[in-house]
Amino acid sequence: MSNAPVLKGLLALLGCQLAGELAVRLTGVEFPGAVVGMLLFLVVLSLAKPGDGSGLVAAPSLLLRHLHLLFIPAGVGIMVYLDTIRNHAWPLAAGLWVSWLVGFVVTALVASAFVRGSERR
């Protein structure tokens, strides 16, 4: 595989992220710029309709194959703030459990609504 398509795809990804960050900061909208960038990349993909050999497909595939490397900074951050995490363990644990439970219940309600909707058809 040639590196040129992958580099072009990475540049497209980073360009979309930069455009998303700029859009969020210029408009003052309280929304993650990276998410706006991903939506822009989705628009690029839907307009370009790239093939399997395209850099727009190869670059994200490369990133997904090596996704585990992106967790290293998060692990280092946890080790750096371990004392703070230990001091606030109960509120953190409660927040994690409550958010998990809310997500679980909402997912179940949405899934059951979809099942009921598909049974009516």
PDB file of N, CA and C in Angstrom:
ATOM      1  N   MET A   1       0.841  -1.167   0.000  1.00  0.00           N
ATOM      2  CA  MET A   1       0.000   0.000   0.000  1.00  0.00           C
ATOM      3  C   MET A   1       0.886   1.230   0.000  1.00  0.00           C
ATOM      4  N   SER A   2       0.591   2.148  -0.853  1.00  0.00           N
ATOM      5  CA  SER A   2       1.338   3.390  -0.934  1.00  0.00           C
ATOM      6  C   SER A   2       0.956   4.292   0.228  1.00  0.00           C
ATOM      7  N   ASN A   3       1.917   5.087   0.679  1.00  0.00           N
ATOM      8  CA  ASN A   3       1.656   5.982   1.798  1.00  0.00           C
ATOM      9  C   ASN A   3       0.927   7.246   1.376  1.00  0.00           C
ATOM     10  N   ALA A   4       0.975   7.612   0.106  1.00  0.00           N
ATOM     11  CA  ALA A   4       0.370   8.864  -0.352  1.00  0.00           C
ATOM     12  C   ALA A   4      -1.136   8.926  -0.088  1.00  0.00           C
ATOM     13  N   PRO A   5      -1.927   7.898  -0.414  1.00  0.00           N
ATOM     14  CA  PRO A   5      -3.363   7.985  -0.123  1.00  0.00           C
ATOM     15  C   PRO A   5      -3.651   8.084   1.373  1.00  0.00           C
ATOM     16  N   VAL A   6      -2.858   7.367   2.183  1.00  0.00           N
ATOM     17  CA  VAL A   6      -3.075   7.407   3.631  1.00  0.00           C
ATOM     18  C   VAL A   6      -2.785   8.800   4.159  1.00  0.00           C
ATOM     19  N   LEU A   7      -1.707   9.413   3.680  1.00  0.00           N
ATOM     20  CA  LEU A   7      -1.374  10.763   4.124  1.00  0.00           C
ATOM     21  C   LEU A   7      -2.452  11.755   3.698  1.00  0.00           C
ATOM     22  N   LYS A   8      -2.968  11.601   2.484  1.00  0.00           N
ATOM     23  CA  LYS A   8      -4.049  12.481   2.032  1.00  0.00           C
ATOM     24  C   LYS A   8      -5.296  12.282   2.887  1.00  0.00           C
ATOM     25  N   GLY A   9      -5.570  11.038   3.241  1.00  0.00           N
ATOM     26  CA  GLY A   9      -6.719  10.760   4.100  1.00  0.00           C
ATOM     27  C   GLY A   9      -6.546  11.338   5.491  1.00  0.00           C
ATOM     28  N   LEU A  10      -5.327  11.219   6.044  1.00  0.00           N
ATOM     29  CA  LEU A  10      -5.064  11.815   7.360  1.00  0.00           C
ATOM     30  C   LEU A  10      -5.187  13.329   7.302  1.00  0.00           C
ATOM     31  N   LEU A  11      -4.703  13.929   6.217  1.00  0.00           N
ATOM     32  CA  LEU A  11      -4.853  15.370   6.060  1.00  0.00           C
ATOM     33  C   LEU A  11      -6.330  15.760   5.967  1.00  0.00           C
ATOM     34  N   ALA A  12      -7.120  14.955   5.285  1.00  0.00           N
ATOM     35  CA  ALA A  12      -8.553  15.232   5.203  1.00  0.00           C
ATOM     36  C   ALA A  12      -9.202  15.121   6.578  1.00  0.00           C
ATOM     37  N   LEU A  13      -8.833  14.088   7.340  1.00  0.00           N
ATOM     38  CA  LEU A  13      -9.358  13.931   8.694  1.00  0.00           C
ATOM     39  C   LEU A  13      -8.986  15.115   9.574  1.00  0.00           C
ATOM     40  N   LEU A  14      -7.699  15.476   9.556  1.00  0.00           N
ATOM     41  CA  LEU A  14      -7.248  16.591  10.382  1.00  0.00           C
ATOM     42  C   LEU A  14      -7.848  17.913   9.909  1.00  0.00           C
ATOM     43  N   GLY A  15      -8.015  18.063   8.605  1.00  0.00           N
ATOM     44  CA  GLY A  15      -8.649  19.273   8.083  1.00  0.00           C
ATOM     45  C   GLY A  15     -10.097  19.398   8.538  1.00  0.00           C
ATOM     46  N   CYS A  16     -10.813  18.284   8.530  1.00  0.00           N
ATOM     47  CA  CYS A  16     -12.198  18.296   9.004  1.00  0.00           C
ATOM     48  C   CYS A  16     -12.257  18.608  10.498  1.00  0.00           C
ATOM     49  N   GLN A  17     -11.321  18.050  11.261  1.00  0.00           N
ATOM     50  CA  GLN A  17     -11.300  18.350  12.692  1.00  0.00           C
ATOM     51  C   GLN A  17     -10.978  19.823  12.926  1.00  0.00           C
ATOM     52  N   LEU A  18     -10.016  20.355  12.182  1.00  0.00           N
ATOM     53  CA  LEU A  18      -9.680  21.771  12.314  1.00  0.00           C
ATOM     54  C   LEU A  18     -10.873  22.646  11.940  1.00  0.00           C
ATOM     55  N   ALA A  19     -11.550  22.308  10.859  1.00  0.00           N
ATOM     56  CA  ALA A  19     -12.725  23.077  10.450  1.00  0.00           C
ATOM     57  C   ALA A  19     -13.815  23.007  11.519  1.00  0.00           C
ATOM     58  N   GLY A  20     -13.987  21.842  12.130  1.00  0.00           N
ATOM     59  CA  GLY A  20     -14.974  21.696  13.206  1.00  0.00           C
ATOM     60  C   GLY A  20     -14.615  22.532  14.420  1.00  0.00           C
ATOM     61  N   GLU A  21     -13.333  22.504  14.798  1.00  0.00           N
ATOM     62  CA  GLU A  21     -12.880  23.314  15.943  1.00  0.00           C
ATOM     63  C   GLU A  21     -13.063  24.797  15.660  1.00  0.00           C
ATOM     64  N   LEU A  22     -12.706  25.220  14.455  1.00  0.00           N
ATOM     65  CA  LEU A  22     -12.863  26.629  14.090  1.00  0.00           C
ATOM     66  C   LEU A  22     -14.337  27.040  14.090  1.00  0.00           C
ATOM     67  N   ALA A  23     -15.181  26.185  13.550  1.00  0.00           N
ATOM     68  CA  ALA A  23     -16.609  26.491  13.498  1.00  0.00           C
ATOM     69  C   ALA A  23     -17.187  26.652  14.900  1.00  0.00           C
ATOM     70  N   VAL A  24     -16.796  25.779  15.805  1.00  0.00           N
ATOM     71  CA  VAL A  24     -17.309  25.844  17.173  1.00  0.00           C
ATOM     72  C   VAL A  24     -16.800  27.095  17.874  1.00  0.00           C
ATOM     73  N   ARG A  25     -15.530  27.400  17.704  1.00  0.00           N
ATOM     74  CA  ARG A  25     -14.970  28.572  18.392  1.00  0.00           C
ATOM     75  C   ARG A  25     -15.476  29.882  17.807  1.00  0.00           C
ATOM     76  N   LEU A  26     -15.681  29.924  16.500  1.00  0.00           N
ATOM     77  CA  LEU A  26     -16.162  31.161  15.888  1.00  0.00           C
ATOM     78  C   LEU A  26     -17.638  31.417  16.192  1.00  0.00           C
ATOM     79  N   THR A  27     -18.423  30.353  16.296  1.00  0.00           N
ATOM     80  CA  THR A  27     -19.847  30.529  16.578  1.00  0.00           C
ATOM     81  C   THR A  27     -20.150  30.586  18.063  1.00  0.00           C
ATOM     82  N   GLY A  28     -19.233  30.089  18.890  1.00  0.00           N
ATOM     83  CA  GLY A  28     -19.463  30.088  20.335  1.00  0.00           C
ATOM     84  C   GLY A  28     -20.420  29.006  20.797  1.00  0.00           C
ATOM     85  N   VAL A  29     -20.716  28.048  19.934  1.00  0.00           N
ATOM     86  CA  VAL A  29     -21.622  26.957  20.284  1.00  0.00           C
ATOM     87  C   VAL A  29     -20.921  26.037  21.284  1.00  0.00           C
ATOM     88  N   GLU A  30     -21.653  25.616  22.294  1.00  0.00           N
ATOM     89  CA  GLU A  30     -21.113  24.693  23.293  1.00  0.00           C
ATOM     90  C   GLU A  30     -21.254  23.266  22.779  1.00  0.00           C
ATOM     91  N   PHE A  31     -20.332  22.859  21.935  1.00  0.00           N
ATOM     92  CA  PHE A  31     -20.361  21.538  21.321  1.00  0.00           C
ATOM     93  C   PHE A  31     -18.927  21.152  21.003  1.00  0.00           C
ATOM     94  N   PRO A  32     -18.560  19.888  21.171  1.00  0.00           N
ATOM     95  CA  PRO A  32     -17.178  19.496  20.879  1.00  0.00           C
ATOM     96  C   PRO A  32     -16.828  19.696  19.404  1.00  0.00           C
ATOM     97  N   GLY A  33     -15.730  20.373  19.162  1.00  0.00           N
ATOM     98  CA  GLY A  33     -15.280  20.624  17.798  1.00  0.00           C
ATOM     99  C   GLY A  33     -14.931  19.348  17.055  1.00  0.00           C
ATOM    100  N   ALA A  34     -14.429  18.356  17.784  1.00  0.00           N
ATOM    101  CA  ALA A  34     -14.078  17.091  17.144  1.00  0.00           C
ATOM    102  C   ALA A  34     -15.321  16.387  16.595  1.00  0.00           C
ATOM    103  N   VAL A  35     -16.435  16.513  17.283  1.00  0.00           N
ATOM    104  CA  VAL A  35     -17.675  15.898  16.807  1.00  0.00           C
ATOM    105  C   VAL A  35     -18.159  16.616  15.551  1.00  0.00           C
ATOM    106  N   VAL A  36     -18.064  17.945  15.544  1.00  0.00           N
ATOM    107  CA  VAL A  36     -18.431  18.708  14.347  1.00  0.00           C
ATOM    108  C   VAL A  36     -17.514  18.298  13.191  1.00  0.00           C
ATOM    109  N   GLY A  37     -16.224  18.111  13.487  1.00  0.00           N
ATOM    110  CA  GLY A  37     -15.287  17.665  12.463  1.00  0.00           C
ATOM    111  C   GLY A  37     -15.646  16.298  11.918  1.00  0.00           C
ATOM    112  N   MET A  38     -16.083  15.386  12.793  1.00  0.00           N
ATOM    113  CA  MET A  38     -16.500  14.061  12.316  1.00  0.00           C
ATOM    114  C   MET A  38     -17.731  14.164  11.434  1.00  0.00           C
ATOM    115  N   LEU A  39     -18.654  15.055  11.787  1.00  0.00           N
ATOM    116  CA  LEU A  39     -19.832  15.244  10.940  1.00  0.00           C
ATOM    117  C   LEU A  39     -19.427  15.826   9.584  1.00  0.00           C
ATOM    118  N   LEU A  40     -18.466  16.742   9.589  1.00  0.00           N
ATOM    119  CA  LEU A  40     -17.955  17.272   8.326  1.00  0.00           C
ATOM    120  C   LEU A  40     -17.295  16.171   7.497  1.00  0.00           C
ATOM    121  N   PHE A  41     -16.546  15.290   8.161  1.00  0.00           N
ATOM    122  CA  PHE A  41     -15.916  14.178   7.453  1.00  0.00           C
ATOM    123  C   PHE A  41     -16.976  13.237   6.880  1.00  0.00           C
ATOM    124  N   LEU A  42     -18.073  13.051   7.601  1.00  0.00           N
ATOM    125  CA  LEU A  42     -19.176  12.238   7.091  1.00  0.00           C
ATOM    126  C   LEU A  42     -19.763  12.870   5.834  1.00  0.00           C
ATOM    127  N   VAL A  43     -19.880  14.200   5.834  1.00  0.00           N
ATOM    128  CA  VAL A  43     -20.370  14.891   4.637  1.00  0.00           C
ATOM    129  C   VAL A  43     -19.395  14.702   3.482  1.00  0.00           C
ATOM    130  N   VAL A  44     -18.098  14.813   3.777  1.00  0.00           N
ATOM    131  CA  VAL A  44     -17.076  14.607   2.739  1.00  0.00           C
ATOM    132  C   VAL A  44     -17.185  13.195   2.171  1.00  0.00           C
ATOM    133  N   LEU A  45     -17.335  12.201   3.048  1.00  0.00           N
ATOM    134  CA  LEU A  45     -17.460  10.817   2.582  1.00  0.00           C
ATOM    135  C   LEU A  45     -18.712  10.612   1.736  1.00  0.00           C
ATOM    136  N   SER A  46     -19.820  11.222   2.145  1.00  0.00           N
ATOM    137  CA  SER A  46     -21.055  11.029   1.389  1.00  0.00           C
ATOM    138  C   SER A  46     -20.995  11.733   0.039  1.00  0.00           C
ATOM    139  N   LEU A  47     -20.272  12.851  -0.044  1.00  0.00           N
ATOM    140  CA  LEU A  47     -20.149  13.550  -1.328  1.00  0.00           C
ATOM    141  C   LEU A  47     -19.122  12.893  -2.240  1.00  0.00           C
ATOM    142  N   ALA A  48     -17.997  12.433  -1.656  1.00  0.00           N
ATOM    143  CA  ALA A  48     -16.914  11.882  -2.470  1.00  0.00           C
ATOM    144  C   ALA A  48     -17.170  10.425  -2.865  1.00  0.00           C
ATOM    145  N   LYS A  49     -17.894   9.682  -2.038  1.00  0.00           N
ATOM    146  CA  LYS A  49     -18.146   8.250  -2.255  1.00  0.00           C
ATOM    147  C   LYS A  49     -16.851   7.522  -2.631  1.00  0.00           C
ATOM    148  N   PRO A  50     -15.868   7.508  -1.699  1.00  0.00           N
ATOM    149  CA  PRO A  50     -14.566   6.929  -2.027  1.00  0.00           C
ATOM    150  C   PRO A  50     -14.611   5.411  -2.119  1.00  0.00           C
ATOM    151  N   GLY A  51     -13.693   4.864  -2.908  1.00  0.00           N
ATOM    152  CA  GLY A  51     -13.561   3.414  -3.028  1.00  0.00           C
ATOM    153  C   GLY A  51     -12.713   2.866  -1.892  1.00  0.00           C
ATOM    154  N   ASP A  52     -12.536   1.551  -1.882  1.00  0.00           N
ATOM    155  CA  ASP A  52     -11.778   0.915  -0.805  1.00  0.00           C
ATOM    156  C   ASP A  52     -10.313   1.325  -0.786  1.00  0.00           C
ATOM    157  N   GLY A  53      -9.726   1.653  -1.927  1.00  0.00           N
ATOM    158  CA  GLY A  53      -8.320   2.018  -1.992  1.00  0.00           C
ATOM    159  C   GLY A  53      -8.063   3.490  -1.729  1.00  0.00           C
ATOM    160  N   SER A  54      -9.117   4.253  -1.519  1.00  0.00           N
ATOM    161  CA  SER A  54      -8.984   5.695  -1.327  1.00  0.00           C
ATOM    162  C   SER A  54      -8.361   6.004   0.031  1.00  0.00           C
ATOM    163  N   GLY A  55      -7.675   7.135   0.095  1.00  0.00           N
ATOM    164  CA  GLY A  55      -7.094   7.580   1.356  1.00  0.00           C
ATOM    165  C   GLY A  55      -8.146   7.924   2.386  1.00  0.00           C
ATOM    166  N   LEU A  56      -9.343   8.323   1.933  1.00  0.00           N
ATOM    167  CA  LEU A  56     -10.420   8.633   2.864  1.00  0.00           C
ATOM    168  C   LEU A  56     -10.923   7.393   3.590  1.00  0.00           C
ATOM    169  N   VAL A  57     -10.645   6.235   3.037  1.00  0.00           N
ATOM    170  CA  VAL A  57     -10.998   4.973   3.690  1.00  0.00           C
ATOM    171  C   VAL A  57      -9.774   4.370   4.377  1.00  0.00           C
ATOM    172  N   ALA A  58      -8.603   4.483   3.745  1.00  0.00           N
ATOM    173  CA  ALA A  58      -7.386   3.863   4.274  1.00  0.00           C
ATOM    174  C   ALA A  58      -6.926   4.514   5.572  1.00  0.00           C
ATOM    175  N   ALA A  59      -7.000   5.839   5.670  1.00  0.00           N
ATOM    176  CA  ALA A  59      -6.513   6.529   6.865  1.00  0.00           C
ATOM    177  C   ALA A  59      -7.323   6.164   8.112  1.00  0.00           C
ATOM    178  N   PRO A  60      -8.664   6.238   8.069  1.00  0.00           N
ATOM    179  CA  PRO A  60      -9.414   5.820   9.261  1.00  0.00           C
ATOM    180  C   PRO A  60      -9.213   4.339   9.589  1.00  0.00           C
ATOM    181  N   SER A  61      -9.058   3.504   8.563  1.00  0.00           N
ATOM    182  CA  SER A  61      -8.816   2.082   8.819  1.00  0.00           C
ATOM    183  C   SER A  61      -7.490   1.879   9.539  1.00  0.00           C
ATOM    184  N   LEU A  62      -6.471   2.638   9.131  1.00  0.00           N
ATOM    185  CA  LEU A  62      -5.173   2.565   9.798  1.00  0.00           C
ATOM    186  C   LEU A  62      -5.287   3.001  11.254  1.00  0.00           C
ATOM    187  N   LEU A  63      -6.007   4.088  11.493  1.00  0.00           N
ATOM    188  CA  LEU A  63      -6.188   4.562  12.867  1.00  0.00           C
ATOM    189  C   LEU A  63      -6.947   3.539  13.708  1.00  0.00           C
ATOM    190  N   LEU A  64      -7.956   2.929  13.135  1.00  0.00           N
ATOM    191  CA  LEU A  64      -8.723   1.930  13.886  1.00  0.00           C
ATOM    192  C   LEU A  64      -7.903   0.686  14.191  1.00  0.00           C
ATOM    193  N   ARG A  65      -7.012   0.310  13.263  1.00  0.00           N
ATOM    194  CA  ARG A  65      -6.154  -0.865  13.511  1.00  0.00           C
ATOM    195  C   ARG A  65      -5.199  -0.615  14.679  1.00  0.00           C
ATOM    196  N   HIS A  66      -4.815   0.636  14.888  1.00  0.00           N
ATOM    197  CA  HIS A  66      -3.852   0.969  15.944  1.00  0.00           C
ATOM    198  C   HIS A  66      -4.490   1.812  17.038  1.00  0.00           C
ATOM    199  N   LEU A  67      -5.777   1.625  17.255  1.00  0.00           N
ATOM    200  CA  LEU A  67      -6.510   2.408  18.233  1.00  0.00           C
ATOM    201  C   LEU A  67      -5.980   2.216  19.655  1.00  0.00           C
ATOM    202  N   HIS A  68      -5.484   1.031  19.945  1.00  0.00           N
ATOM    203  CA  HIS A  68      -4.993   0.759  21.295  1.00  0.00           C
ATOM    204  C   HIS A  68      -3.855   1.700  21.693  1.00  0.00           C
ATOM    205  N   LEU A  69      -3.094   2.202  20.741  1.00  0.00           N
ATOM    206  CA  LEU A  69      -2.009   3.133  21.063  1.00  0.00           C
ATOM    207  C   LEU A  69      -2.535   4.479  21.549  1.00  0.00           C
ATOM    208  N   LEU A  70      -3.747   4.824  21.147  1.00  0.00           N
ATOM    209  CA  LEU A  70      -4.317   6.094  21.561  1.00  0.00           C
ATOM    210  C   LEU A  70      -4.795   6.071  23.014  1.00  0.00           C
ATOM    211  N   PHE A  71      -4.853   4.896  23.638  1.00  0.00           N
ATOM    212  CA  PHE A  71      -5.262   4.814  25.032  1.00  0.00           C
ATOM    213  C   PHE A  71      -4.092   5.040  25.993  1.00  0.00           C
ATOM    214  N   ILE A  72      -2.877   5.047  25.493  1.00  0.00           N
ATOM    215  CA  ILE A  72      -1.709   5.235  26.365  1.00  0.00           C
ATOM    216  C   ILE A  72      -1.740   6.585  27.063  1.00  0.00           C
ATOM    217  N   PRO A  73      -2.015   7.707  26.371  1.00  0.00           N
ATOM    218  CA  PRO A  73      -2.073   8.983  27.093  1.00  0.00           C
ATOM    219  C   PRO A  73      -3.142   9.009  28.184  1.00  0.00           C
ATOM    220  N   ALA A  74      -4.269   8.368  27.946  1.00  0.00           N
ATOM    221  CA  ALA A  74      -5.313   8.319  28.968  1.00  0.00           C
ATOM    222  C   ALA A  74      -4.831   7.538  30.190  1.00  0.00           C
ATOM    223  N   GLY A  75      -4.129   6.439  29.970  1.00  0.00           N
ATOM    224  CA  GLY A  75      -3.573   5.666  31.083  1.00  0.00           C
ATOM    225  C   GLY A  75      -2.545   6.451  31.872  1.00  0.00           C
ATOM    226  N   VAL A  76      -1.725   7.213  31.178  1.00  0.00           N
ATOM    227  CA  VAL A  76      -0.730   8.052  31.863  1.00  0.00           C
ATOM    228  C   VAL A  76      -1.438   9.125  32.677  1.00  0.00           C
ATOM    229  N   GLY A  77      -2.501   9.708  32.117  1.00  0.00           N
ATOM    230  CA  GLY A  77      -3.252  10.723  32.850  1.00  0.00           C
ATOM    231  C   GLY A  77      -3.874  10.166  34.118  1.00  0.00           C
ATOM    232  N   ILE A  78      -4.362   8.951  34.045  1.00  0.00           N
ATOM    233  CA  ILE A  78      -4.931   8.319  35.247  1.00  0.00           C
ATOM    234  C   ILE A  78      -3.849   8.131  36.295  1.00  0.00           C
ATOM    235  N   MET A  79      -2.654   7.710  35.888  1.00  0.00           N
ATOM    236  CA  MET A  79      -1.568   7.510  36.846  1.00  0.00           C
ATOM    237  C   MET A  79      -1.124   8.838  37.466  1.00  0.00           C
ATOM    238  N   VAL A  80      -1.128   9.912  36.679  1.00  0.00           N
ATOM    239  CA  VAL A  80      -0.703  11.217  37.194  1.00  0.00           C
ATOM    240  C   VAL A  80      -1.694  11.720  38.241  1.00  0.00           C
ATOM    241  N   TYR A  81      -2.977  11.509  38.007  1.00  0.00           N
ATOM    242  CA  TYR A  81      -4.010  12.015  38.914  1.00  0.00           C
ATOM    243  C   TYR A  81      -4.566  10.939  39.840  1.00  0.00           C
ATOM    244  N   LEU A  82      -3.784   9.908  40.106  1.00  0.00           N
ATOM    245  CA  LEU A  82      -4.255   8.802  40.930  1.00  0.00           C
ATOM    246  C   LEU A  82      -4.630   9.256  42.337  1.00  0.00           C
ATOM    247  N   ASP A  83      -3.876  10.164  42.929  1.00  0.00           N
ATOM    248  CA  ASP A  83      -4.211  10.655  44.277  1.00  0.00           C
ATOM    249  C   ASP A  83      -5.550  11.391  44.274  1.00  0.00           C
ATOM    250  N   THR A  84      -5.774  12.218  43.269  1.00  0.00           N
ATOM    251  CA  THR A  84      -7.040  12.946  43.170  1.00  0.00           C
ATOM    252  C   THR A  84      -8.190  11.977  42.959  1.00  0.00           C
ATOM    253  N   ILE A  85      -7.975  10.983  42.119  1.00  0.00           N
ATOM    254  CA  ILE A  85      -9.014   9.976  41.881  1.00  0.00           C
ATOM    255  C   ILE A  85      -9.310   9.209  43.163  1.00  0.00           C
ATOM    256  N   ARG A  86      -8.276   8.862  43.912  1.00  0.00           N
ATOM    257  CA  ARG A  86      -8.457   8.134  45.165  1.00  0.00           C
ATOM    258  C   ARG A  86      -9.236   8.988  46.171  1.00  0.00           C
ATOM    259  N   ASN A  87      -8.939  10.296  46.225  1.00  0.00           N
ATOM    260  CA  ASN A  87      -9.624  11.175  47.177  1.00  0.00           C
ATOM    261  C   ASN A  87     -11.086  11.406  46.820  1.00  0.00           C
ATOM    262  N   HIS A  88     -11.433  11.259  45.574  1.00  0.00           N
ATOM    263  CA  HIS A  88     -12.810  11.479  45.126  1.00  0.00           C
ATOM    264  C   HIS A  88     -13.422  10.202  44.544  1.00  0.00           C
ATOM    265  N   ALA A  89     -13.042   9.074  45.081  1.00  0.00           N
ATOM    266  CA  ALA A  89     -13.462   7.783  44.517  1.00  0.00           C
ATOM    267  C   ALA A  89     -14.979   7.578  44.610  1.00  0.00           C
ATOM    268  N   TRP A  90     -15.594   7.903  45.743  1.00  0.00           N
ATOM    269  CA  TRP A  90     -17.030   7.657  45.899  1.00  0.00           C
ATOM    270  C   TRP A  90     -17.871   8.506  44.946  1.00  0.00           C
ATOM    271  N   PRO A  91     -17.632   9.811  44.850  1.00  0.00           N
ATOM    272  CA  PRO A  91     -18.431  10.579  43.870  1.00  0.00           C
ATOM    273  C   PRO A  91     -18.187  10.125  42.432  1.00  0.00           C
ATOM    274  N   LEU A  92     -16.947   9.771  42.097  1.00  0.00           N
ATOM    275  CA  LEU A  92     -16.660   9.281  40.748  1.00  0.00           C
ATOM    276  C   LEU A  92     -17.385   7.969  40.479  1.00  0.00           C
ATOM    277  N   ALA A  93     -17.328   7.064  41.432  1.00  0.00           N
ATOM    278  CA  ALA A  93     -18.004   5.773  41.261  1.00  0.00           C
ATOM    279  C   ALA A  93     -19.518   5.957  41.157  1.00  0.00           C
ATOM    280  N   ALA A  94     -20.071   6.826  41.991  1.00  0.00           N
ATOM    281  CA  ALA A  94     -21.517   7.071  41.942  1.00  0.00           C
ATOM    282  C   ALA A  94     -21.905   7.685  40.593  1.00  0.00           C
ATOM    283  N   GLY A  95     -21.120   8.634  40.121  1.00  0.00           N
ATOM    284  CA  GLY A  95     -21.409   9.244  38.829  1.00  0.00           C
ATOM    285  C   GLY A  95     -21.326   8.242  37.694  1.00  0.00           C
ATOM    286  N   LEU A  96     -20.330   7.367  37.743  1.00  0.00           N
ATOM    287  CA  LEU A  96     -20.204   6.335  36.712  1.00  0.00           C
ATOM    288  C   LEU A  96     -21.393   5.380  36.728  1.00  0.00           C
ATOM    289  N   TRP A  97     -21.794   4.938  37.922  1.00  0.00           N
ATOM    290  CA  TRP A  97     -22.900   3.993  38.019  1.00  0.00           C
ATOM    291  C   TRP A  97     -24.217   4.630  37.600  1.00  0.00           C
ATOM    292  N   VAL A  98     -24.449   5.863  38.045  1.00  0.00           N
ATOM    293  CA  VAL A  98     -25.706   6.525  37.690  1.00  0.00           C
ATOM    294  C   VAL A  98     -25.759   6.787  36.183  1.00  0.00           C
ATOM    295  N   SER A  99     -24.663   7.278  35.596  1.00  0.00           N
ATOM    296  CA  SER A  99     -24.666   7.535  34.156  1.00  0.00           C
ATOM    297  C   SER A  99     -24.813   6.236  33.372  1.00  0.00           C
ATOM    298  N   TRP A 100     -24.203   5.162  33.850  1.00  0.00           N
ATOM    299  CA  TRP A 100     -24.365   3.870  33.181  1.00  0.00           C
ATOM    300  C   TRP A 100     -25.826   3.430  33.246  1.00  0.00           C
ATOM    301  N   LEU A 101     -26.434   3.555  34.418  1.00  0.00           N
ATOM    302  CA  LEU A 101     -27.817   3.125  34.591  1.00  0.00           C
ATOM    303  C   LEU A 101     -28.760   3.950  33.719  1.00  0.00           C
ATOM    304  N   VAL A 102     -28.562   5.254  33.675  1.00  0.00           N
ATOM    305  CA  VAL A 102     -29.406   6.110  32.828  1.00  0.00           C
ATOM    306  C   VAL A 102     -29.230   5.727  31.357  1.00  0.00           C
ATOM    307  N   GLY A 103     -27.991   5.536  30.925  1.00  0.00           N
ATOM    308  CA  GLY A 103     -27.744   5.122  29.546  1.00  0.00           C
ATOM    309  C   GLY A 103     -28.376   3.785  29.227  1.00  0.00           C
ATOM    310  N   PHE A 104     -28.294   2.867  30.163  1.00  0.00           N
ATOM    311  CA  PHE A 104     -28.875   1.540  29.983  1.00  0.00           C
ATOM    312  C   PHE A 104     -30.388   1.623  29.849  1.00  0.00           C
ATOM    313  N   VAL A 105     -31.024   2.385  30.731  1.00  0.00           N
ATOM    314  CA  VAL A 105     -32.490   2.515  30.706  1.00  0.00           C
ATOM    315  C   VAL A 105     -32.940   3.223  29.427  1.00  0.00           C
ATOM    316  N   VAL A 106     -32.259   4.287  29.051  1.00  0.00           N
ATOM    317  CA  VAL A 106     -32.632   5.007  27.827  1.00  0.00           C
ATOM    318  C   VAL A 106     -32.464   4.102  26.606  1.00  0.00           C
ATOM    319  N   THR A 107     -31.384   3.348  26.555  1.00  0.00           N
ATOM    320  CA  THR A 107     -31.166   2.419  25.440  1.00  0.00           C
ATOM    321  C   THR A 107     -32.276   1.371  25.382  1.00  0.00           C
ATOM    322  N   ALA A 108     -32.665   0.837  26.543  1.00  0.00           N
ATOM    323  CA  ALA A 108     -33.735  -0.155  26.583  1.00  0.00           C
ATOM    324  C   ALA A 108     -35.058   0.449  26.120  1.00  0.00           C
ATOM    325  N   LEU A 109     -35.349   1.676  26.536  1.00  0.00           N
ATOM    326  CA  LEU A 109     -36.596   2.316  26.130  1.00  0.00           C
ATOM    327  C   LEU A 109     -36.615   2.601  24.626  1.00  0.00           C
ATOM    328  N   VAL A 110     -35.513   3.068  24.097  1.00  0.00           N
ATOM    329  CA  VAL A 110     -35.437   3.346  22.659  1.00  0.00           C
ATOM    330  C   VAL A 110     -35.552   2.047  21.865  1.00  0.00           C
ATOM    331  N   ALA A 111     -34.852   1.000  22.311  1.00  0.00           N
ATOM    332  CA  ALA A 111     -34.918  -0.287  21.620  1.00  0.00           C
ATOM    333  C   ALA A 111     -36.342  -0.848  21.650  1.00  0.00           C
ATOM    334  N   SER A 112     -37.008  -0.757  22.798  1.00  0.00           N
ATOM    335  CA  SER A 112     -38.378  -1.280  22.873  1.00  0.00           C
ATOM    336  C   SER A 112     -39.324  -0.458  22.005  1.00  0.00           C
ATOM    337  N   ALA A 113     -39.090   0.867  21.904  1.00  0.00           N
ATOM    338  CA  ALA A 113     -39.920   1.698  21.022  1.00  0.00           C
ATOM    339  C   ALA A 113     -39.718   1.297  19.566  1.00  0.00           C
ATOM    340  N   PHE A 114     -38.480   1.012  19.183  1.00  0.00           N
ATOM    341  CA  PHE A 114     -38.216   0.566  17.814  1.00  0.00           C
ATOM    342  C   PHE A 114     -38.854  -0.792  17.539  1.00  0.00           C
ATOM    343  N   VAL A 115     -38.805  -1.686  18.513  1.00  0.00           N
ATOM    344  CA  VAL A 115     -39.417  -3.008  18.332  1.00  0.00           C
ATOM    345  C   VAL A 115     -40.928  -2.865  18.177  1.00  0.00           C
ATOM    346  N   ARG A 116     -41.545  -2.043  19.029  1.00  0.00           N
ATOM    347  CA  ARG A 116     -42.991  -1.815  18.910  1.00  0.00           C
ATOM    348  C   ARG A 116     -43.329  -1.177  17.558  1.00  0.00           C
ATOM    349  N   GLY A 117     -42.501  -0.247  17.113  1.00  0.00           N
ATOM    350  CA  GLY A 117     -42.736   0.406  15.827  1.00  0.00           C
ATOM    351  C   GLY A 117     -42.599  -0.549  14.667  1.00  0.00           C
ATOM    352  N   SER A 118     -41.627  -1.464  14.742  1.00  0.00           N
ATOM    353  CA  SER A 118     -41.450  -2.411  13.640  1.00  0.00           C
ATOM    354  C   SER A 118     -42.534  -3.488  13.653  1.00  0.00           C
ATOM    355  N   GLU A 119     -43.107  -3.797  14.828  1.00  0.00           N
ATOM    356  CA  GLU A 119     -44.192  -4.786  14.886  1.00  0.00           C
ATOM    357  C   GLU A 119     -45.482  -4.237  14.309  1.00  0.00           C
ATOM    358  N   ARG A 120     -45.663  -2.928  14.378  1.00  0.00           N
ATOM    359  CA  ARG A 120     -46.882  -2.307  13.838  1.00  0.00           C
ATOM    360  C   ARG A 120     -46.892  -2.324  12.314  1.00  0.00           C
ATOM    361  N   ARG A 121     -45.723  -2.355  11.716  1.00  0.00           N
ATOM    362  CA  ARG A 121     -45.653  -2.348  10.241  1.00  0.00           C
ATOM    363  C   ARG A 121     -46.006  -3.667   9.719  1.00  0.00           C
TER     364      ARG A 121
END
